[in-house]
Amino acid sequence: MNLLEKVYAAGVDPNIEDPLGGNINSISKVFGVATNILLGVGWALVFVAATLAIIKYINSKGDPKETNTAHTWLLYCGIGAFIMFAFTTIRLIIPRMLGATWTGVPGVTDF
């Protein structure tokens, strides 16, 4: 009686398929995708935080401490929105004003 059975690994296909279809082939395109992801996440966080601050202000019911907390949250959201606007300006508007060509990844960074 033999309790051990020899097992062999299956063959592996050496051809790796690029999931992005070969669109990202330089470090500048990687940074372009990362920048656009940061822009999207940043703006989403600003709008979610502003919504939560407004809800907190409404639910404060005139309590000075809660109203002050909601005001502080709105102030921070305004600062975040200003930073995101500056980031968006640097990323999108200035290159277009200077007549730069778009070097983004088609279908990925069409912003």
N, C-alpha and C. Protein backbone atom coordinates (compact mmCIF):
# COMPACT_ATOMS: atom_id res chain seq x y z
N MET A 1 0.83 -1.18 0.00
CA MET A 1 0.00 0.00 0.00
C MET A 1 0.89 1.25 0.00
N ASN A 2 0.59 2.18 -0.92
CA ASN A 2 1.37 3.41 -1.06
C ASN A 2 0.49 4.60 -0.69
N LEU A 3 0.85 5.33 0.37
CA LEU A 3 0.06 6.47 0.82
C LEU A 3 0.46 7.76 0.13
N LEU A 4 1.61 7.81 -0.47
CA LEU A 4 2.09 9.01 -1.14
C LEU A 4 1.91 8.87 -2.64
N GLU A 5 1.41 9.94 -3.23
CA GLU A 5 1.20 9.95 -4.67
C GLU A 5 1.97 11.13 -5.25
N LYS A 6 2.69 10.89 -6.29
CA LYS A 6 3.45 11.97 -6.92
C LYS A 6 2.49 12.89 -7.67
N VAL A 7 2.69 14.20 -7.46
CA VAL A 7 1.87 15.21 -8.11
C VAL A 7 2.81 16.16 -8.85
N TYR A 8 2.48 16.46 -10.09
CA TYR A 8 3.32 17.34 -10.90
C TYR A 8 2.56 18.63 -11.20
N ALA A 9 3.30 19.73 -11.23
CA ALA A 9 2.70 21.03 -11.52
C ALA A 9 2.27 21.10 -12.97
N ALA A 10 1.18 21.84 -13.19
CA ALA A 10 0.69 22.02 -14.55
C ALA A 10 1.59 23.02 -15.26
N GLY A 11 1.63 22.93 -16.54
CA GLY A 11 2.42 23.87 -17.34
C GLY A 11 1.85 25.28 -17.25
N VAL A 12 2.73 26.27 -17.27
CA VAL A 12 2.32 27.66 -17.17
C VAL A 12 2.58 28.34 -18.50
N ASP A 13 1.59 29.11 -18.96
CA ASP A 13 1.75 29.86 -20.20
C ASP A 13 2.66 31.05 -19.94
N PRO A 14 3.81 31.16 -20.62
CA PRO A 14 4.74 32.25 -20.35
C PRO A 14 4.29 33.60 -20.90
N ASN A 15 3.25 33.63 -21.72
CA ASN A 15 2.77 34.88 -22.30
C ASN A 15 1.83 35.56 -21.32
N ILE A 16 2.22 36.74 -20.84
CA ILE A 16 1.41 37.49 -19.90
C ILE A 16 0.63 38.55 -20.66
N GLU A 17 -0.67 38.62 -20.39
CA GLU A 17 -1.51 39.59 -21.08
C GLU A 17 -1.62 40.85 -20.23
N ASP A 18 -1.42 42.00 -20.86
CA ASP A 18 -1.51 43.29 -20.16
C ASP A 18 -2.99 43.62 -19.96
N PRO A 19 -3.44 43.79 -18.70
CA PRO A 19 -4.86 44.08 -18.47
C PRO A 19 -5.29 45.46 -18.97
N LEU A 20 -4.35 46.37 -19.17
CA LEU A 20 -4.69 47.71 -19.67
C LEU A 20 -4.51 47.83 -21.18
N GLY A 21 -4.19 46.75 -21.83
CA GLY A 21 -4.09 46.75 -23.28
C GLY A 21 -2.88 47.50 -23.82
N GLY A 22 -1.83 47.63 -23.03
CA GLY A 22 -0.61 48.30 -23.49
C GLY A 22 -0.68 49.82 -23.49
N ASN A 23 -1.69 50.41 -22.83
CA ASN A 23 -1.83 51.86 -22.82
C ASN A 23 -0.83 52.55 -21.91
N ILE A 24 -0.45 51.90 -20.82
CA ILE A 24 0.49 52.52 -19.88
C ILE A 24 1.85 51.88 -20.12
N ASN A 25 2.72 52.64 -20.80
CA ASN A 25 4.04 52.10 -21.13
C ASN A 25 5.17 53.06 -20.78
N SER A 26 4.88 54.05 -19.94
CA SER A 26 5.94 54.95 -19.48
C SER A 26 5.60 55.43 -18.07
N ILE A 27 6.60 55.92 -17.38
CA ILE A 27 6.41 56.38 -16.01
C ILE A 27 5.53 57.63 -15.97
N SER A 28 5.57 58.45 -17.01
CA SER A 28 4.73 59.65 -17.03
C SER A 28 3.25 59.27 -17.11
N LYS A 29 2.93 58.20 -17.81
CA LYS A 29 1.54 57.76 -17.87
C LYS A 29 1.09 57.16 -16.55
N VAL A 30 1.99 56.51 -15.85
CA VAL A 30 1.67 56.00 -14.51
C VAL A 30 1.35 57.16 -13.58
N PHE A 31 2.17 58.22 -13.62
CA PHE A 31 1.92 59.39 -12.79
C PHE A 31 0.64 60.10 -13.22
N GLY A 32 0.34 60.10 -14.50
CA GLY A 32 -0.91 60.70 -14.97
C GLY A 32 -2.13 59.98 -14.42
N VAL A 33 -2.10 58.66 -14.43
CA VAL A 33 -3.20 57.87 -13.88
C VAL A 33 -3.31 58.10 -12.38
N ALA A 34 -2.18 58.09 -11.68
CA ALA A 34 -2.19 58.30 -10.23
C ALA A 34 -2.72 59.70 -9.88
N THR A 35 -2.33 60.70 -10.66
CA THR A 35 -2.80 62.06 -10.43
C THR A 35 -4.32 62.15 -10.61
N ASN A 36 -4.83 61.52 -11.64
CA ASN A 36 -6.27 61.56 -11.88
C ASN A 36 -7.04 60.81 -10.80
N ILE A 37 -6.48 59.72 -10.31
CA ILE A 37 -7.12 59.00 -9.21
C ILE A 37 -7.16 59.89 -7.97
N LEU A 38 -6.04 60.57 -7.68
CA LEU A 38 -6.00 61.47 -6.53
C LEU A 38 -6.99 62.62 -6.68
N LEU A 39 -7.14 63.15 -7.88
CA LEU A 39 -8.12 64.20 -8.11
C LEU A 39 -9.54 63.72 -7.83
N GLY A 40 -9.87 62.57 -8.35
CA GLY A 40 -11.22 62.03 -8.14
C GLY A 40 -11.51 61.73 -6.68
N VAL A 41 -10.58 61.08 -6.01
CA VAL A 41 -10.76 60.75 -4.60
C VAL A 41 -10.81 62.01 -3.75
N GLY A 42 -9.96 62.98 -4.06
CA GLY A 42 -9.93 64.23 -3.30
C GLY A 42 -11.23 65.00 -3.40
N TRP A 43 -11.75 65.16 -4.62
CA TRP A 43 -13.01 65.88 -4.77
C TRP A 43 -14.15 65.12 -4.11
N ALA A 44 -14.14 63.79 -4.20
CA ALA A 44 -15.18 63.00 -3.54
C ALA A 44 -15.15 63.22 -2.02
N LEU A 45 -13.95 63.22 -1.45
CA LEU A 45 -13.82 63.44 -0.01
C LEU A 45 -14.29 64.84 0.39
N VAL A 46 -14.00 65.84 -0.42
CA VAL A 46 -14.44 67.20 -0.12
C VAL A 46 -15.97 67.26 -0.10
N PHE A 47 -16.63 66.66 -1.09
CA PHE A 47 -18.08 66.73 -1.13
C PHE A 47 -18.74 65.90 -0.03
N VAL A 48 -18.18 64.75 0.28
CA VAL A 48 -18.73 63.94 1.37
C VAL A 48 -18.55 64.66 2.70
N ALA A 49 -17.38 65.22 2.94
CA ALA A 49 -17.13 65.93 4.20
C ALA A 49 -18.02 67.16 4.31
N ALA A 50 -18.23 67.88 3.22
CA ALA A 50 -19.11 69.05 3.26
C ALA A 50 -20.55 68.63 3.56
N THR A 51 -20.99 67.55 2.97
CA THR A 51 -22.34 67.04 3.24
C THR A 51 -22.49 66.66 4.71
N LEU A 52 -21.49 65.98 5.26
CA LEU A 52 -21.54 65.60 6.67
C LEU A 52 -21.51 66.83 7.58
N ALA A 53 -20.75 67.84 7.20
CA ALA A 53 -20.69 69.06 8.00
C ALA A 53 -22.04 69.78 7.99
N ILE A 54 -22.69 69.81 6.85
CA ILE A 54 -24.00 70.45 6.77
C ILE A 54 -25.03 69.68 7.60
N ILE A 55 -24.97 68.36 7.53
CA ILE A 55 -25.87 67.54 8.34
C ILE A 55 -25.61 67.77 9.83
N LYS A 56 -24.33 67.86 10.19
CA LYS A 56 -23.98 68.12 11.59
C LYS A 56 -24.50 69.49 12.03
N TYR A 57 -24.42 70.47 11.15
CA TYR A 57 -24.93 71.81 11.47
C TYR A 57 -26.44 71.80 11.67
N ILE A 58 -27.14 71.07 10.81
CA ILE A 58 -28.60 70.99 10.93
C ILE A 58 -28.99 70.27 12.22
N ASN A 59 -28.26 69.21 12.55
CA ASN A 59 -28.58 68.43 13.74
C ASN A 59 -28.07 69.06 15.04
N SER A 60 -27.36 70.16 14.95
CA SER A 60 -26.85 70.80 16.17
C SER A 60 -27.97 71.45 16.98
N LYS A 61 -29.05 71.82 16.34
CA LYS A 61 -30.24 72.39 16.99
C LYS A 61 -29.92 73.61 17.86
N GLY A 62 -28.98 74.39 17.41
CA GLY A 62 -28.66 75.64 18.10
C GLY A 62 -27.67 75.50 19.25
N ASP A 63 -27.21 74.31 19.50
CA ASP A 63 -26.21 74.12 20.56
C ASP A 63 -24.91 74.78 20.12
N PRO A 64 -24.40 75.75 20.89
CA PRO A 64 -23.21 76.49 20.45
C PRO A 64 -21.98 75.61 20.22
N LYS A 65 -21.80 74.59 21.05
CA LYS A 65 -20.63 73.72 20.89
C LYS A 65 -20.72 72.92 19.60
N GLU A 66 -21.89 72.33 19.32
CA GLU A 66 -22.07 71.54 18.09
C GLU A 66 -22.04 72.43 16.85
N THR A 67 -22.62 73.62 16.96
CA THR A 67 -22.60 74.56 15.84
C THR A 67 -21.17 74.98 15.52
N ASN A 68 -20.38 75.21 16.55
CA ASN A 68 -18.98 75.58 16.36
C ASN A 68 -18.20 74.43 15.72
N THR A 69 -18.49 73.19 16.12
CA THR A 69 -17.84 72.03 15.51
C THR A 69 -18.20 71.92 14.03
N ALA A 70 -19.48 72.10 13.71
CA ALA A 70 -19.91 72.05 12.31
C ALA A 70 -19.27 73.17 11.51
N HIS A 71 -19.15 74.35 12.10
CA HIS A 71 -18.49 75.47 11.42
C HIS A 71 -17.03 75.15 11.13
N THR A 72 -16.37 74.52 12.09
CA THR A 72 -14.96 74.12 11.88
C THR A 72 -14.85 73.11 10.76
N TRP A 73 -15.78 72.15 10.72
CA TRP A 73 -15.76 71.16 9.64
C TRP A 73 -15.94 71.83 8.28
N LEU A 74 -16.87 72.77 8.22
CA LEU A 74 -17.08 73.48 6.95
C LEU A 74 -15.86 74.30 6.56
N LEU A 75 -15.18 74.87 7.53
CA LEU A 75 -13.95 75.60 7.24
C LEU A 75 -12.90 74.67 6.65
N TYR A 76 -12.74 73.50 7.24
CA TYR A 76 -11.78 72.52 6.72
C TYR A 76 -12.17 72.05 5.32
N CYS A 77 -13.47 71.91 5.07
CA CYS A 77 -13.92 71.52 3.73
C CYS A 77 -13.60 72.62 2.72
N GLY A 78 -13.75 73.86 3.13
CA GLY A 78 -13.39 74.98 2.24
C GLY A 78 -11.91 74.99 1.92
N ILE A 79 -11.09 74.72 2.93
CA ILE A 79 -9.64 74.65 2.69
C ILE A 79 -9.33 73.48 1.75
N GLY A 80 -9.96 72.34 1.98
CA GLY A 80 -9.75 71.18 1.10
C GLY A 80 -10.20 71.46 -0.32
N ALA A 81 -11.34 72.16 -0.47
CA ALA A 81 -11.83 72.49 -1.80
C ALA A 81 -10.87 73.44 -2.51
N PHE A 82 -10.29 74.39 -1.77
CA PHE A 82 -9.32 75.31 -2.37
C PHE A 82 -8.08 74.55 -2.84
N ILE A 83 -7.60 73.63 -2.01
CA ILE A 83 -6.41 72.83 -2.39
C ILE A 83 -6.73 71.98 -3.62
N MET A 84 -7.91 71.36 -3.64
CA MET A 84 -8.28 70.53 -4.79
C MET A 84 -8.46 71.39 -6.05
N PHE A 85 -9.01 72.59 -5.89
CA PHE A 85 -9.15 73.48 -7.05
C PHE A 85 -7.77 73.87 -7.59
N ALA A 86 -6.83 74.16 -6.69
CA ALA A 86 -5.48 74.51 -7.13
C ALA A 86 -4.82 73.32 -7.83
N PHE A 87 -5.01 72.14 -7.27
CA PHE A 87 -4.45 70.92 -7.87
C PHE A 87 -5.06 70.67 -9.25
N THR A 88 -6.38 70.85 -9.36
CA THR A 88 -7.05 70.68 -10.65
C THR A 88 -6.57 71.72 -11.65
N THR A 89 -6.38 72.94 -11.20
CA THR A 89 -5.88 74.00 -12.08
C THR A 89 -4.50 73.66 -12.61
N ILE A 90 -3.64 73.24 -11.72
CA ILE A 90 -2.28 72.87 -12.15
C ILE A 90 -2.32 71.70 -13.12
N ARG A 91 -3.17 70.72 -12.84
CA ARG A 91 -3.19 69.49 -13.64
C ARG A 91 -3.87 69.67 -14.99
N LEU A 92 -4.94 70.47 -15.05
CA LEU A 92 -5.74 70.52 -16.27
C LEU A 92 -5.72 71.85 -17.01
N ILE A 93 -5.93 72.92 -16.29
CA ILE A 93 -6.16 74.20 -16.95
C ILE A 93 -4.88 74.82 -17.48
N ILE A 94 -3.83 74.84 -16.69
CA ILE A 94 -2.58 75.48 -17.13
C ILE A 94 -1.98 74.82 -18.37
N PRO A 95 -1.88 73.48 -18.44
CA PRO A 95 -1.35 72.89 -19.68
C PRO A 95 -2.20 73.23 -20.91
N ARG A 96 -3.52 73.29 -20.75
CA ARG A 96 -4.37 73.64 -21.88
C ARG A 96 -4.20 75.10 -22.29
N MET A 97 -3.98 75.98 -21.32
CA MET A 97 -3.75 77.39 -21.64
C MET A 97 -2.43 77.58 -22.38
N LEU A 98 -1.45 76.76 -22.04
CA LEU A 98 -0.15 76.87 -22.69
C LEU A 98 -0.08 76.14 -24.02
N GLY A 99 -1.15 75.46 -24.40
CA GLY A 99 -1.19 74.76 -25.67
C GLY A 99 -0.45 73.45 -25.66
N ALA A 100 -0.29 72.84 -24.48
CA ALA A 100 0.40 71.56 -24.39
C ALA A 100 -0.47 70.46 -24.99
N THR A 101 0.18 69.44 -25.52
CA THR A 101 -0.56 68.31 -26.06
C THR A 101 -0.92 67.36 -24.94
N TRP A 102 -2.05 66.68 -25.09
CA TRP A 102 -2.51 65.75 -24.08
C TRP A 102 -1.75 64.44 -24.21
N THR A 103 -1.14 64.03 -23.11
CA THR A 103 -0.37 62.78 -23.11
C THR A 103 -0.98 61.74 -22.20
N GLY A 104 -2.27 61.85 -21.96
CA GLY A 104 -2.94 60.91 -21.07
C GLY A 104 -3.12 59.55 -21.72
N VAL A 105 -3.68 58.66 -20.97
CA VAL A 105 -3.94 57.31 -21.44
C VAL A 105 -5.37 57.27 -21.97
N PRO A 106 -5.58 56.95 -23.25
CA PRO A 106 -6.92 56.93 -23.80
C PRO A 106 -7.81 55.94 -23.07
N GLY A 107 -9.00 56.39 -22.68
CA GLY A 107 -9.94 55.53 -22.00
C GLY A 107 -9.69 55.43 -20.50
N VAL A 108 -8.53 55.87 -20.01
CA VAL A 108 -8.23 55.79 -18.59
C VAL A 108 -8.18 57.17 -17.98
N THR A 109 -7.50 58.10 -18.64
CA THR A 109 -7.34 59.45 -18.09
C THR A 109 -7.97 60.50 -18.99
N ASP A 110 -9.11 60.18 -19.57
CA ASP A 110 -9.83 61.18 -20.38
C ASP A 110 -10.61 62.07 -19.44
N PHE A 111 -9.97 63.03 -18.88
CA PHE A 111 -10.52 63.88 -17.83
C PHE A 111 -10.99 65.18 -18.40
